[in-house]
C-alpha atoms as a PDB file:
ATOM      1  CA  MET A   1     -44.015 152.312  40.313  1.00  0.00           C
ATOM      2  CA  LEU A   2     -44.330 151.356  43.135  1.00  0.00           C
ATOM      3  CA  GLN A   3     -48.265 150.383  42.261  1.00  0.00           C
ATOM      4  CA  ILE A   4     -46.462 148.390  39.389  1.00  0.00           C
ATOM      5  CA  PHE A   5     -44.386 146.821  42.204  1.00  0.00           C
ATOM      6  CA  ARG A   6     -47.157 145.595  43.565  1.00  0.00           C
ATOM      7  CA  LEU A   7     -48.520 143.868  41.030  1.00  0.00           C
ATOM      8  CA  PHE A   8     -45.772 141.437  40.247  1.00  0.00           C
ATOM      9  CA  THR A   9     -45.027 141.118  44.587  1.00  0.00           C
ATOM     10  CA  PRO A  10     -47.489 138.531  46.181  1.00  0.00           C
ATOM     11  CA  ALA A  11     -48.332 140.082  48.936  1.00  0.00           C
ATOM     12  CA  PRO A  12     -47.203 138.226  52.449  1.00  0.00           C
ATOM     13  CA  GLN A  13     -49.979 136.389  53.193  1.00  0.00           C
ATOM     14  CA  GLN A  14     -49.424 135.037  49.674  1.00  0.00           C
ATOM     15  CA  MET A  15     -46.248 133.597  51.000  1.00  0.00           C
ATOM     16  CA  GLU A  16     -46.845 132.262  53.507  1.00  0.00           C
ATOM     17  CA  LYS A  17     -49.828 130.118  52.161  1.00  0.00           C
ATOM     18  CA  TYR A  18     -47.220 128.711  48.843  1.00  0.00           C
ATOM     19  CA  ILE A  19     -44.856 128.392  51.439  1.00  0.00           C
ATOM     20  CA  ARG A  20     -47.374 126.200  53.825  1.00  0.00           C
ATOM     21  CA  GLN A  21     -48.522 124.222  50.579  1.00  0.00           C
ATOM     22  CA  GLN A  22     -44.644 123.290  50.276  1.00  0.00           C
ATOM     23  CA  GLU A  23     -43.819 122.289  53.399  1.00  0.00           C
ATOM     24  CA  PRO A  24     -46.041 118.512  53.560  1.00  0.00           C
ATOM     25  CA  GLN A  25     -44.713 117.773  50.159  1.00  0.00           C
ATOM     26  CA  GLN A  26     -41.280 118.493  51.023  1.00  0.00           C
ATOM     27  CA  LYS A  27     -41.860 116.300  54.763  1.00  0.00           C
ATOM     28  CA  SER A  28     -43.621 113.251  52.500  1.00  0.00           C
ATOM     29  CA  ILE A  29     -40.823 112.905  50.437  1.00  0.00           C
ATOM     30  CA  ASN A  30     -38.447 113.187  53.618  1.00  0.00           C
ATOM     31  CA  SER A  31     -40.115 110.807  55.425  1.00  0.00           C
ATOM     32  CA  THR A  32     -40.144 108.048  52.161  1.00  0.00           C
ATOM     33  CA  ARG A  33     -36.549 108.230  51.280  1.00  0.00           C
ATOM     34  CA  THR A  34     -36.049 107.547  55.064  1.00  0.00           C
ATOM     35  CA  LYS A  35     -38.234 104.489  55.617  1.00  0.00           C
ATOM     36  CA  HIS A  36     -36.299 103.754  51.911  1.00  0.00           C
ATOM     37  CA  ASN A  37     -33.196 103.954  53.491  1.00  0.00           C
ATOM     38  CA  PHE A  38     -34.036 101.720  56.161  1.00  0.00           C
ATOM     39  CA  ALA A  39     -35.792  99.438  53.931  1.00  0.00           C
ATOM     40  CA  GLU A  40     -32.527  99.090  51.936  1.00  0.00           C
ATOM     41  CA  ARG A  41     -30.269  99.191  55.859  1.00  0.00           C
ATOM     42  CA  HIS A  42     -32.293  96.087  56.314  1.00  0.00           C
ATOM     43  CA  ALA A  43     -32.137  93.785  53.859  1.00  0.00           C
ATOM     44  CA  THR A  44     -28.763  94.206  53.914  1.00  0.00           C
ATOM     45  CA  GLU A  45     -28.320  93.355  56.960  1.00  0.00           C
ATOM     46  CA  ILE A  46     -30.698  90.322  56.360  1.00  0.00           C
ATOM     47  CA  LYS A  47     -27.637  89.307  53.896  1.00  0.00           C
ATOM     48  CA  GLU A  48     -25.307  89.527  55.176  1.00  0.00           C
ATOM     49  CA  ALA A  49     -27.342  87.250  58.045  1.00  0.00           C
ATOM     50  CA  ASN A  50     -27.809  85.048  55.275  1.00  0.00           C
ATOM     51  CA  ASN A  51     -24.554  84.696  54.377  1.00  0.00           C
ATOM     52  CA  LYS A  52     -23.280  83.741  57.534  1.00  0.00           C
ATOM     53  CA  ARG A  53     -25.327  80.886  58.711  1.00  0.00           C
ATOM     54  CA  PHE A  54     -24.775  80.348  54.183  1.00  0.00           C
ATOM     55  CA  ASP A  55     -20.904  80.262  55.396  1.00  0.00           C
ATOM     56  CA  LYS A  56     -21.141  78.350  58.446  1.00  0.00           C
ATOM     57  CA  LEU A  57     -23.328  75.632  57.250  1.00  0.00           C
ATOM     58  CA  PHE A  58     -20.797  75.019  54.342  1.00  0.00           C
ATOM     59  CA  ASN A  59     -17.491  75.201  56.106  1.00  0.00           C
ATOM     60  CA  ASN A  60     -19.764  72.279  58.906  1.00  0.00           C
ATOM     61  CA  GLU A  61     -19.842  70.268  55.673  1.00  0.00           C
ATOM     62  CA  LYS A  62     -17.129  70.389  54.617  1.00  0.00           C
ATOM     63  CA  ALA A  63     -15.101  69.489  57.626  1.00  0.00           C
ATOM     64  CA  GLU A  64     -17.230  66.874  57.840  1.00  0.00           C
ATOM     65  CA  ASP A  65     -16.302  66.077  54.667  1.00  0.00           C
ATOM     66  CA  ILE A  66     -12.802  65.924  55.458  1.00  0.00           C
ATOM     67  CA  SER A  67     -14.018  64.086  58.884  1.00  0.00           C
ATOM     68  CA  ARG A  68     -15.065  60.702  56.746  1.00  0.00           C
ATOM     69  CA  ASN A  69     -12.202  61.154  53.978  1.00  0.00           C
ATOM     70  CA  GLN A  70      -9.480  61.265  56.788  1.00  0.00           C
ATOM     71  CA  SER A  71     -11.570  58.307  57.831  1.00  0.00           C
ATOM     72  CA  ARG A  72     -11.804  56.175  55.211  1.00  0.00           C
ATOM     73  CA  LEU A  73      -8.132  55.878  55.039  1.00  0.00           C
END
């Protein structure tokens, strides 16, 4: 019975090798996810900044148009 158990159960050394092989893959997945999250956050920040800038420009132009129209009257 013990011999059969040994046949189907990997030795502790083999298990350690397997675990060590899996760790770098997991790290690379996590680092890729982190990079993606950073890039996504950065893109969102840029979009928000551009929207604020556009809103300022648009509001300034609107104010100038209103003042021009009022000066014509």
